[in-house]
């Protein structure tokens, strides 16, 4: 297993897989115990914690913004908090960074801090670091793969190169996947520090794959958008139907990809994905 810079194509096909909420059953607990509570703490939002935390989970887990980058999700939440509950000083500056920064990561934010006029940018970096610490403190039993994920990854790795394409921080992904024995089925790790999911897929494409030989496996609209931007296929792991989705990947999606007959099946998958998140 290597990084994107040093990765060399070995197969004609490539399967890209998201981590949180897709291969790893970690998304709900990270948002419920880490992301939302750390936001409440950092911005002293305790008087409105109930509705704010419920709305955070809607934005990040159960609607069409599921899986949005942590900084974009925070910008959405703080915008609503600023309008409904209490002013967020420096919000416009942070939103502008979240909308335009080429690298939405702690390192990218730290590089932007010297030019910041308001406190929101610094508070955001503090929040993000607290989130990482809270995630690291979660018990190992709370960070496990979905049923069928290991088998699905192994099946993909038997016929294709496999890349983790995740917006989570690299250290967390590497620790979780190694501990759960999943890295044996992975060739390259592309995480927050490597750029957006779309950018990572574009760089993987440049390794020499045909677009119709690449499948992006994900649970969120951002995964689908990243695939579509690069003209590659998308396969959804459906929220609350994860084990069945992994079984279907092995039985149907992978054979279709390898046989060159993915198009009509992929359209049906996209319809089911939208309906599962409340659209369509």
C-alpha atoms as a PDB file:
ATOM      1  CA  UNK A   1       0.000   0.000   0.000  1.00  0.00           C
ATOM      2  CA  UNK A   2       1.405   3.362  -1.058  1.00  0.00           C
ATOM      3  CA  UNK A   3       0.416   7.006  -1.532  1.00  0.00           C
ATOM      4  CA  UNK A   4      -0.923   8.624  -4.668  1.00  0.00           C
ATOM      5  CA  UNK A   5       2.389  10.116  -5.739  1.00  0.00           C
ATOM      6  CA  UNK A   6       4.164   6.762  -5.801  1.00  0.00           C
ATOM      7  CA  UNK A   7       1.298   4.524  -6.919  1.00  0.00           C
ATOM      8  CA  UNK A   8       1.805   2.580 -10.156  1.00  0.00           C
ATOM      9  CA  UNK A   9      -1.088   0.986 -12.062  1.00  0.00           C
ATOM     10  CA  UNK A  10      -0.994  -2.833 -12.014  1.00  0.00           C
ATOM     11  CA  UNK A  11      -4.430  -3.824 -13.416  1.00  0.00           C
ATOM     12  CA  UNK A  12      -6.687  -2.549 -16.186  1.00  0.00           C
ATOM     13  CA  UNK A  13      -9.489  -1.860 -13.693  1.00  0.00           C
ATOM     14  CA  UNK A  14      -9.568   0.356 -10.606  1.00  0.00           C
ATOM     15  CA  UNK A  15     -12.057   0.300  -7.725  1.00  0.00           C
ATOM     16  CA  UNK A  16     -12.075   3.410  -5.519  1.00  0.00           C
ATOM     17  CA  UNK A  17     -13.688   3.079  -2.097  1.00  0.00           C
ATOM     18  CA  UNK A  18     -14.709   5.719   0.429  1.00  0.00           C
ATOM     19  CA  UNK A  19     -14.027   5.035   4.109  1.00  0.00           C
ATOM     20  CA  UNK A  20     -16.413   6.527   6.694  1.00  0.00           C
ATOM     21  CA  UNK A  21     -20.003   5.386   6.192  1.00  0.00           C
ATOM     22  CA  UNK A  22     -19.019   3.221   3.226  1.00  0.00           C
ATOM     23  CA  UNK A  23     -16.446   0.602   4.195  1.00  0.00           C
ATOM     24  CA  UNK A  24     -16.234   1.610   7.858  1.00  0.00           C
ATOM     25  CA  UNK A  25     -19.277   1.826  10.128  1.00  0.00           C
ATOM     26  CA  UNK A  26     -17.863   4.951  11.742  1.00  0.00           C
ATOM     27  CA  UNK A  27     -19.763   7.862  10.287  1.00  0.00           C
ATOM     28  CA  UNK A  28     -22.704   8.078  12.697  1.00  0.00           C
ATOM     29  CA  UNK A  29     -20.620   7.764  15.844  1.00  0.00           C
ATOM     30  CA  UNK A  30     -18.027  10.287  14.690  1.00  0.00           C
ATOM     31  CA  UNK A  31     -20.668  12.909  13.986  1.00  0.00           C
ATOM     32  CA  UNK A  32     -22.786  12.180  17.063  1.00  0.00           C
ATOM     33  CA  UNK A  33     -19.904  11.999  19.551  1.00  0.00           C
ATOM     34  CA  UNK A  34     -17.169  14.118  17.946  1.00  0.00           C
ATOM     35  CA  UNK A  35     -18.000  16.589  15.176  1.00  0.00           C
ATOM     36  CA  UNK A  36     -21.238  18.034  16.571  1.00  0.00           C
ATOM     37  CA  UNK A  37     -20.324  18.134  20.283  1.00  0.00           C
ATOM     38  CA  UNK A  38     -16.924  19.706  19.515  1.00  0.00           C
ATOM     39  CA  UNK A  39     -18.679  22.447  17.527  1.00  0.00           C
ATOM     40  CA  UNK A  40     -21.017  23.149  20.441  1.00  0.00           C
ATOM     41  CA  UNK A  41     -18.032  23.341  22.780  1.00  0.00           C
ATOM     42  CA  UNK A  42     -15.825  25.502  20.540  1.00  0.00           C
ATOM     43  CA  UNK A  43     -18.506  28.131  19.864  1.00  0.00           C
ATOM     44  CA  UNK A  44     -20.239  27.922  23.299  1.00  0.00           C
ATOM     45  CA  UNK A  45     -23.539  26.841  21.767  1.00  0.00           C
ATOM     46  CA  UNK A  46     -24.786  24.921  24.816  1.00  0.00           C
ATOM     47  CA  UNK A  47     -28.046  26.934  25.187  1.00  0.00           C
ATOM     48  CA  UNK A  48     -29.187  25.624  21.785  1.00  0.00           C
ATOM     49  CA  UNK A  49     -27.330  22.303  21.745  1.00  0.00           C
ATOM     50  CA  UNK A  50     -30.374  20.070  21.157  1.00  0.00           C
ATOM     51  CA  UNK A  51     -31.636  21.527  17.880  1.00  0.00           C
ATOM     52  CA  UNK A  52     -28.138  22.425  16.683  1.00  0.00           C
ATOM     53  CA  UNK A  53     -26.859  18.863  17.103  1.00  0.00           C
ATOM     54  CA  UNK A  54     -29.966  17.432  15.445  1.00  0.00           C
ATOM     55  CA  UNK A  55     -29.462  19.753  12.488  1.00  0.00           C
ATOM     56  CA  UNK A  56     -25.749  18.882  12.295  1.00  0.00           C
ATOM     57  CA  UNK A  57     -26.696  15.213  11.910  1.00  0.00           C
ATOM     58  CA  UNK A  58     -29.278  16.012   9.233  1.00  0.00           C
ATOM     59  CA  UNK A  59     -26.709  17.941   7.212  1.00  0.00           C
ATOM     60  CA  UNK A  60     -23.945  15.383   7.533  1.00  0.00           C
ATOM     61  CA  UNK A  61     -25.708  12.008   7.732  1.00  0.00           C
ATOM     62  CA  UNK A  62     -29.269  11.749   6.467  1.00  0.00           C
ATOM     63  CA  UNK A  63     -29.810  14.098   3.518  1.00  0.00           C
ATOM     64  CA  UNK A  64     -28.231  14.838   0.150  1.00  0.00           C
ATOM     65  CA  UNK A  65     -25.352  16.686   1.851  1.00  0.00           C
ATOM     66  CA  UNK A  66     -24.303  13.460   3.579  1.00  0.00           C
ATOM     67  CA  UNK A  67     -20.538  13.043   3.582  1.00  0.00           C
ATOM     68  CA  UNK A  68     -19.753  16.668   2.796  1.00  0.00           C
ATOM     69  CA  UNK A  69     -16.201  17.762   3.686  1.00  0.00           C
ATOM     70  CA  UNK A  70     -16.006  18.656   7.384  1.00  0.00           C
ATOM     71  CA  UNK A  71     -15.221  22.319   6.682  1.00  0.00           C
ATOM     72  CA  UNK A  72     -18.037  22.714   4.171  1.00  0.00           C
ATOM     73  CA  UNK A  73     -20.426  21.031   6.616  1.00  0.00           C
ATOM     74  CA  UNK A  74     -19.264  23.370   9.364  1.00  0.00           C
ATOM     75  CA  UNK A  75     -19.778  26.399   7.119  1.00  0.00           C
ATOM     76  CA  UNK A  76     -23.358  25.272   6.432  1.00  0.00           C
ATOM     77  CA  UNK A  77     -24.070  24.671  10.120  1.00  0.00           C
ATOM     78  CA  UNK A  78     -22.503  27.928  11.324  1.00  0.00           C
ATOM     79  CA  UNK A  79     -24.432  29.882   8.701  1.00  0.00           C
ATOM     80  CA  UNK A  80     -27.699  28.534  10.088  1.00  0.00           C
ATOM     81  CA  UNK A  81     -26.538  29.096  13.678  1.00  0.00           C
ATOM     82  CA  UNK A  82     -25.588  32.683  12.841  1.00  0.00           C
ATOM     83  CA  UNK A  83     -29.046  33.297  11.369  1.00  0.00           C
ATOM     84  CA  UNK A  84     -31.127  31.500  14.025  1.00  0.00           C
ATOM     85  CA  UNK A  85     -29.306  31.494  17.348  1.00  0.00           C
ATOM     86  CA  UNK A  86     -26.213  33.650  17.859  1.00  0.00           C
ATOM     87  CA  UNK A  87     -23.761  35.688  15.738  1.00  0.00           C
ATOM     88  CA  UNK A  88     -20.615  33.871  14.558  1.00  0.00           C
ATOM     89  CA  UNK A  89     -17.827  36.445  14.324  1.00  0.00           C
ATOM     90  CA  UNK A  90     -15.662  36.083  11.215  1.00  0.00           C
ATOM     91  CA  UNK A  91     -18.083  33.679   9.529  1.00  0.00           C
ATOM     92  CA  UNK A  92     -17.957  35.321   6.089  1.00  0.00           C
ATOM     93  CA  UNK A  93     -14.179  34.998   5.978  1.00  0.00           C
ATOM     94  CA  UNK A  94     -14.324  31.302   6.878  1.00  0.00           C
ATOM     95  CA  UNK A  95     -17.092  30.633   4.357  1.00  0.00           C
ATOM     96  CA  UNK A  96     -15.020  32.269   1.626  1.00  0.00           C
ATOM     97  CA  UNK A  97     -12.084  30.018   2.498  1.00  0.00           C
ATOM     98  CA  UNK A  98     -14.278  26.899   2.543  1.00  0.00           C
ATOM     99  CA  UNK A  99     -15.703  27.847  -0.869  1.00  0.00           C
ATOM    100  CA  UNK A 100     -12.408  28.570  -2.610  1.00  0.00           C
ATOM    101  CA  UNK A 101      -9.477  26.857  -0.865  1.00  0.00           C
ATOM    102  CA  UNK A 102      -7.713  24.274  -3.057  1.00  0.00           C
ATOM    103  CA  UNK A 103      -7.043  22.078  -0.006  1.00  0.00           C
ATOM    104  CA  UNK A 104      -9.727  21.752   2.662  1.00  0.00           C
ATOM    105  CA  UNK A 105      -7.588  20.324   5.436  1.00  0.00           C
ATOM    106  CA  UNK A 106      -6.051  21.305   8.761  1.00  0.00           C
ATOM    107  CA  UNK A 107      -2.770  22.076   7.034  1.00  0.00           C
ATOM    108  CA  UNK A 108      -4.482  24.206   4.414  1.00  0.00           C
ATOM    109  CA  UNK A 109      -6.370  26.089   7.099  1.00  0.00           C
ATOM    110  CA  UNK A 110      -3.210  26.627   9.143  1.00  0.00           C
ATOM    111  CA  UNK A 111      -1.512  28.161   6.098  1.00  0.00           C
ATOM    112  CA  UNK A 112      -4.418  30.599   5.708  1.00  0.00           C
ATOM    113  CA  UNK A 113      -4.471  31.678   9.367  1.00  0.00           C
ATOM    114  CA  UNK A 114      -1.794  34.422   9.249  1.00  0.00           C
ATOM    115  CA  UNK A 115      -3.979  36.466   6.899  1.00  0.00           C
ATOM    116  CA  UNK A 116      -7.215  35.958   8.837  1.00  0.00           C
ATOM    117  CA  UNK A 117      -8.913  39.057  10.230  1.00  0.00           C
ATOM    118  CA  UNK A 118     -11.608  37.437  12.404  1.00  0.00           C
ATOM    119  CA  UNK A 119     -11.594  34.610  14.970  1.00  0.00           C
ATOM    120  CA  UNK A 120     -13.644  32.061  13.022  1.00  0.00           C
ATOM    121  CA  UNK A 121     -10.710  30.649  11.078  1.00  0.00           C
ATOM    122  CA  UNK A 122      -8.657  29.992  14.223  1.00  0.00           C
ATOM    123  CA  UNK A 123     -11.667  28.555  16.027  1.00  0.00           C
ATOM    124  CA  UNK A 124     -12.314  26.267  13.073  1.00  0.00           C
ATOM    125  CA  UNK A 125      -8.785  24.869  13.236  1.00  0.00           C
ATOM    126  CA  UNK A 126      -9.158  24.395  16.988  1.00  0.00           C
ATOM    127  CA  UNK A 127     -12.483  22.597  16.394  1.00  0.00           C
ATOM    128  CA  UNK A 128     -11.021  20.347  13.704  1.00  0.00           C
ATOM    129  CA  UNK A 129      -8.092  19.345  15.899  1.00  0.00           C
ATOM    130  CA  UNK A 130     -10.451  18.624  18.804  1.00  0.00           C
ATOM    131  CA  UNK A 131     -12.542  16.478  16.456  1.00  0.00           C
ATOM    132  CA  UNK A 132      -9.483  14.455  15.461  1.00  0.00           C
ATOM    133  CA  UNK A 133      -8.544  13.968  19.105  1.00  0.00           C
ATOM    134  CA  UNK A 134     -12.104  12.908  19.970  1.00  0.00           C
ATOM    135  CA  UNK A 135     -12.139  10.427  17.092  1.00  0.00           C
ATOM    136  CA  UNK A 136      -8.802   9.000  18.205  1.00  0.00           C
ATOM    137  CA  UNK A 137     -10.242   8.582  21.705  1.00  0.00           C
ATOM    138  CA  UNK A 138     -13.226   6.528  20.533  1.00  0.00           C
ATOM    139  CA  UNK A 139     -13.011   2.890  21.618  1.00  0.00           C
ATOM    140  CA  UNK A 140     -11.780   0.483  18.972  1.00  0.00           C
ATOM    141  CA  UNK A 141     -15.035  -1.446  19.207  1.00  0.00           C
ATOM    142  CA  UNK A 142     -16.828   1.658  17.879  1.00  0.00           C
ATOM    143  CA  UNK A 143     -14.759   1.737  14.677  1.00  0.00           C
ATOM    144  CA  UNK A 144     -15.406  -1.431  12.686  1.00  0.00           C
ATOM    145  CA  UNK A 145     -16.104  -2.276   9.022  1.00  0.00           C
ATOM    146  CA  UNK A 146     -19.616  -2.902   7.775  1.00  0.00           C
ATOM    147  CA  UNK A 147     -20.587  -6.537   7.356  1.00  0.00           C
ATOM    148  CA  UNK A 148     -19.401  -7.668   3.943  1.00  0.00           C
ATOM    149  CA  UNK A 149     -16.939  -4.822   3.384  1.00  0.00           C
ATOM    150  CA  UNK A 150     -13.835  -6.967   3.862  1.00  0.00           C
ATOM    151  CA  UNK A 151     -15.192  -9.578   1.473  1.00  0.00           C
ATOM    152  CA  UNK A 152     -16.130  -6.909  -1.081  1.00  0.00           C
ATOM    153  CA  UNK A 153     -12.692  -5.317  -0.956  1.00  0.00           C
ATOM    154  CA  UNK A 154     -11.006  -8.702  -1.320  1.00  0.00           C
ATOM    155  CA  UNK A 155     -13.194  -9.550  -4.318  1.00  0.00           C
ATOM    156  CA  UNK A 156     -12.321  -6.244  -5.970  1.00  0.00           C
ATOM    157  CA  UNK A 157      -8.623  -6.671  -5.237  1.00  0.00           C
ATOM    158  CA  UNK A 158      -8.604 -10.018  -6.972  1.00  0.00           C
ATOM    159  CA  UNK A 159      -9.338  -8.380 -10.346  1.00  0.00           C
ATOM    160  CA  UNK A 160      -8.531  -4.681  -9.967  1.00  0.00           C
ATOM    161  CA  UNK A 161      -6.348  -2.121  -8.266  1.00  0.00           C
ATOM    162  CA  UNK A 162      -8.056  -0.741  -5.153  1.00  0.00           C
ATOM    163  CA  UNK A 163      -7.776   2.838  -3.901  1.00  0.00           C
ATOM    164  CA  UNK A 164      -9.197   4.336  -0.733  1.00  0.00           C
ATOM    165  CA  UNK A 165     -10.578   7.756  -1.746  1.00  0.00           C
ATOM    166  CA  UNK A 166     -11.691   9.541   1.409  1.00  0.00           C
ATOM    167  CA  UNK A 167     -12.047  13.100   2.713  1.00  0.00           C
ATOM    168  CA  UNK A 168     -11.106  11.925   6.219  1.00  0.00           C
ATOM    169  CA  UNK A 169      -7.658  12.594   7.630  1.00  0.00           C
ATOM    170  CA  UNK A 170      -5.037  10.073   6.536  1.00  0.00           C
ATOM    171  CA  UNK A 171      -3.865   9.067  10.008  1.00  0.00           C
ATOM    172  CA  UNK A 172      -7.366   8.020  11.111  1.00  0.00           C
ATOM    173  CA  UNK A 173      -8.066   6.088   7.913  1.00  0.00           C
ATOM    174  CA  UNK A 174      -4.720   4.287   7.983  1.00  0.00           C
ATOM    175  CA  UNK A 175      -5.100   3.305  11.653  1.00  0.00           C
ATOM    176  CA  UNK A 176      -8.671   2.049  11.275  1.00  0.00           C
ATOM    177  CA  UNK A 177      -8.123   0.098   8.074  1.00  0.00           C
ATOM    178  CA  UNK A 178      -4.888  -1.458   9.342  1.00  0.00           C
ATOM    179  CA  UNK A 179      -6.431  -2.482  12.657  1.00  0.00           C
ATOM    180  CA  UNK A 180      -9.408  -4.059  10.890  1.00  0.00           C
ATOM    181  CA  UNK A 181      -7.241  -5.953   8.416  1.00  0.00           C
ATOM    182  CA  UNK A 182      -8.499  -4.118   5.333  1.00  0.00           C
ATOM    183  CA  UNK A 183      -5.221  -2.692   4.031  1.00  0.00           C
ATOM    184  CA  UNK A 184      -4.223  -6.051   2.536  1.00  0.00           C
ATOM    185  CA  UNK A 185      -6.883  -5.354  -0.119  1.00  0.00           C
ATOM    186  CA  UNK A 186      -5.722  -1.763  -0.799  1.00  0.00           C
ATOM    187  CA  UNK A 187      -3.032  -0.531  -3.203  1.00  0.00           C
ATOM    188  CA  UNK A 188      -3.144   3.228  -2.644  1.00  0.00           C
ATOM    189  CA  UNK A 189      -4.474   5.576   0.037  1.00  0.00           C
ATOM    190  CA  UNK A 190      -5.901   8.960  -1.087  1.00  0.00           C
ATOM    191  CA  UNK A 191      -7.154  11.021   1.866  1.00  0.00           C
ATOM    192  CA  UNK A 192      -7.795  14.605   2.919  1.00  0.00           C
ATOM    193  CA  UNK A 193      -4.158  15.596   2.434  1.00  0.00           C
ATOM    194  CA  UNK A 194      -4.196  14.464  -1.223  1.00  0.00           C
ATOM    195  CA  UNK A 195      -6.993  16.859  -2.239  1.00  0.00           C
ATOM    196  CA  UNK A 196     -10.674  16.491  -3.027  1.00  0.00           C
ATOM    197  CA  UNK A 197     -12.158  13.158  -4.067  1.00  0.00           C
ATOM    198  CA  UNK A 198     -12.637  14.453  -7.603  1.00  0.00           C
ATOM    199  CA  UNK A 199      -9.018  15.596  -7.735  1.00  0.00           C
ATOM    200  CA  UNK A 200      -7.815  12.226  -6.444  1.00  0.00           C
ATOM    201  CA  UNK A 201      -9.826  10.327  -9.050  1.00  0.00           C
ATOM    202  CA  UNK A 202      -8.439  12.630 -11.762  1.00  0.00           C
ATOM    203  CA  UNK A 203      -4.881  11.875 -10.629  1.00  0.00           C
ATOM    204  CA  UNK A 204      -5.661   8.157 -10.570  1.00  0.00           C
ATOM    205  CA  UNK A 205      -7.087   8.397 -14.100  1.00  0.00           C
ATOM    206  CA  UNK A 206      -3.794   9.908 -15.185  1.00  0.00           C
ATOM    207  CA  UNK A 207      -2.077   6.666 -14.179  1.00  0.00           C
ATOM    208  CA  UNK A 208      -3.439   5.143 -17.400  1.00  0.00           C
ATOM    209  CA  UNK A 209      -6.928   3.724 -16.738  1.00  0.00           C
ATOM    210  CA  UNK A 210      -9.812   4.033 -19.178  1.00  0.00           C
ATOM    211  CA  UNK A 211     -12.639   5.972 -17.486  1.00  0.00           C
ATOM    212  CA  UNK A 212     -15.090   3.103 -17.968  1.00  0.00           C
ATOM    213  CA  UNK A 213     -12.671   0.818 -16.131  1.00  0.00           C
ATOM    214  CA  UNK A 214     -12.955   2.812 -12.892  1.00  0.00           C
ATOM    215  CA  UNK A 215     -15.678   2.355 -10.260  1.00  0.00           C
ATOM    216  CA  UNK A 216     -16.153   4.732  -7.326  1.00  0.00           C
ATOM    217  CA  UNK A 217     -17.839   3.008  -4.381  1.00  0.00           C
ATOM    218  CA  UNK A 218     -19.354   5.483  -1.927  1.00  0.00           C
ATOM    219  CA  UNK A 219     -22.239   6.300   0.368  1.00  0.00           C
ATOM    220  CA  UNK A 220     -22.630  10.043  -0.200  1.00  0.00           C
ATOM    221  CA  UNK A 221     -23.629  12.424  -3.015  1.00  0.00           C
ATOM    222  CA  UNK A 222     -20.097  13.820  -3.007  1.00  0.00           C
ATOM    223  CA  UNK A 223     -18.791  10.396  -4.011  1.00  0.00           C
ATOM    224  CA  UNK A 224     -21.219  10.274  -6.918  1.00  0.00           C
ATOM    225  CA  UNK A 225     -20.346  13.832  -7.968  1.00  0.00           C
ATOM    226  CA  UNK A 226     -16.614  13.053  -7.869  1.00  0.00           C
ATOM    227  CA  UNK A 227     -17.186  10.031 -10.109  1.00  0.00           C
ATOM    228  CA  UNK A 228     -19.377  11.957 -12.557  1.00  0.00           C
ATOM    229  CA  UNK A 229     -16.901  14.837 -12.788  1.00  0.00           C
ATOM    230  CA  UNK A 230     -14.293  12.373 -14.011  1.00  0.00           C
ATOM    231  CA  UNK A 231     -16.588  10.312 -16.228  1.00  0.00           C
ATOM    232  CA  UNK A 232     -16.182   7.120 -14.190  1.00  0.00           C
ATOM    233  CA  UNK A 233     -18.805   4.751 -12.793  1.00  0.00           C
ATOM    234  CA  UNK A 234     -20.445   5.063  -9.359  1.00  0.00           C
ATOM    235  CA  UNK A 235     -21.756   2.331  -7.080  1.00  0.00           C
ATOM    236  CA  UNK A 236     -23.672   3.310  -3.918  1.00  0.00           C
ATOM    237  CA  UNK A 237     -23.449   1.777  -0.479  1.00  0.00           C
ATOM    238  CA  UNK A 238     -26.971   2.611   0.681  1.00  0.00           C
ATOM    239  CA  UNK A 239     -27.418   4.109   4.144  1.00  0.00           C
ATOM    240  CA  UNK A 240     -29.083   1.573   6.485  1.00  0.00           C
ATOM    241  CA  UNK A 241     -28.635  -1.132   3.806  1.00  0.00           C
ATOM    242  CA  UNK A 242     -24.856  -1.401   3.903  1.00  0.00           C
ATOM    243  CA  UNK A 243     -24.456  -5.183   4.227  1.00  0.00           C
ATOM    244  CA  UNK A 244     -26.835  -5.828   1.324  1.00  0.00           C
ATOM    245  CA  UNK A 245     -25.011  -3.218  -0.754  1.00  0.00           C
ATOM    246  CA  UNK A 246     -21.637  -4.895  -0.205  1.00  0.00           C
ATOM    247  CA  UNK A 247     -23.099  -8.283  -1.134  1.00  0.00           C
ATOM    248  CA  UNK A 248     -24.535  -6.777  -4.329  1.00  0.00           C
ATOM    249  CA  UNK A 249     -21.155  -5.264  -5.171  1.00  0.00           C
ATOM    250  CA  UNK A 250     -19.655  -8.744  -5.241  1.00  0.00           C
ATOM    251  CA  UNK A 251     -22.576 -10.441  -6.996  1.00  0.00           C
ATOM    252  CA  UNK A 252     -23.536  -7.806  -9.565  1.00  0.00           C
ATOM    253  CA  UNK A 253     -21.565  -4.552  -9.658  1.00  0.00           C
ATOM    254  CA  UNK A 254     -18.068  -6.005 -10.056  1.00  0.00           C
ATOM    255  CA  UNK A 255     -19.083  -8.548 -12.729  1.00  0.00           C
ATOM    256  CA  UNK A 256     -20.864  -5.765 -14.652  1.00  0.00           C
ATOM    257  CA  UNK A 257     -17.807  -3.506 -14.436  1.00  0.00           C
ATOM    258  CA  UNK A 258     -15.469  -6.234 -15.664  1.00  0.00           C
ATOM    259  CA  UNK A 259     -17.837  -7.270 -18.471  1.00  0.00           C
ATOM    260  CA  UNK A 260     -18.309  -3.725 -19.760  1.00  0.00           C
ATOM    261  CA  UNK A 261     -22.085  -3.762 -19.109  1.00  0.00           C
ATOM    262  CA  UNK A 262     -22.259  -1.335 -16.178  1.00  0.00           C
ATOM    263  CA  UNK A 263     -24.178   1.545 -17.809  1.00  0.00           C
ATOM    264  CA  UNK A 264     -27.842   0.460 -17.441  1.00  0.00           C
ATOM    265  CA  UNK A 265     -27.204  -1.092 -14.053  1.00  0.00           C
ATOM    266  CA  UNK A 266     -25.408   2.064 -12.900  1.00  0.00           C
ATOM    267  CA  UNK A 267     -28.419   4.192 -13.835  1.00  0.00           C
ATOM    268  CA  UNK A 268     -30.651   1.992 -11.673  1.00  0.00           C
ATOM    269  CA  UNK A 269     -28.161   2.234  -8.799  1.00  0.00           C
ATOM    270  CA  UNK A 270     -28.212   6.030  -9.042  1.00  0.00           C
ATOM    271  CA  UNK A 271     -32.014   6.064  -8.825  1.00  0.00           C
ATOM    272  CA  UNK A 272     -32.016   3.843  -5.750  1.00  0.00           C
ATOM    273  CA  UNK A 273     -29.320   5.979  -4.154  1.00  0.00           C
ATOM    274  CA  UNK A 274     -31.321   9.206  -4.588  1.00  0.00           C
ATOM    275  CA  UNK A 275     -34.500   7.627  -3.239  1.00  0.00           C
ATOM    276  CA  UNK A 276     -32.654   6.288  -0.208  1.00  0.00           C
ATOM    277  CA  UNK A 277     -31.538   9.801   0.752  1.00  0.00           C
ATOM    278  CA  UNK A 278     -34.970  11.311   0.272  1.00  0.00           C
ATOM    279  CA  UNK A 279     -34.792  12.499  -3.345  1.00  0.00           C
ATOM    280  CA  UNK A 280     -36.312  11.016  -6.427  1.00  0.00           C
END
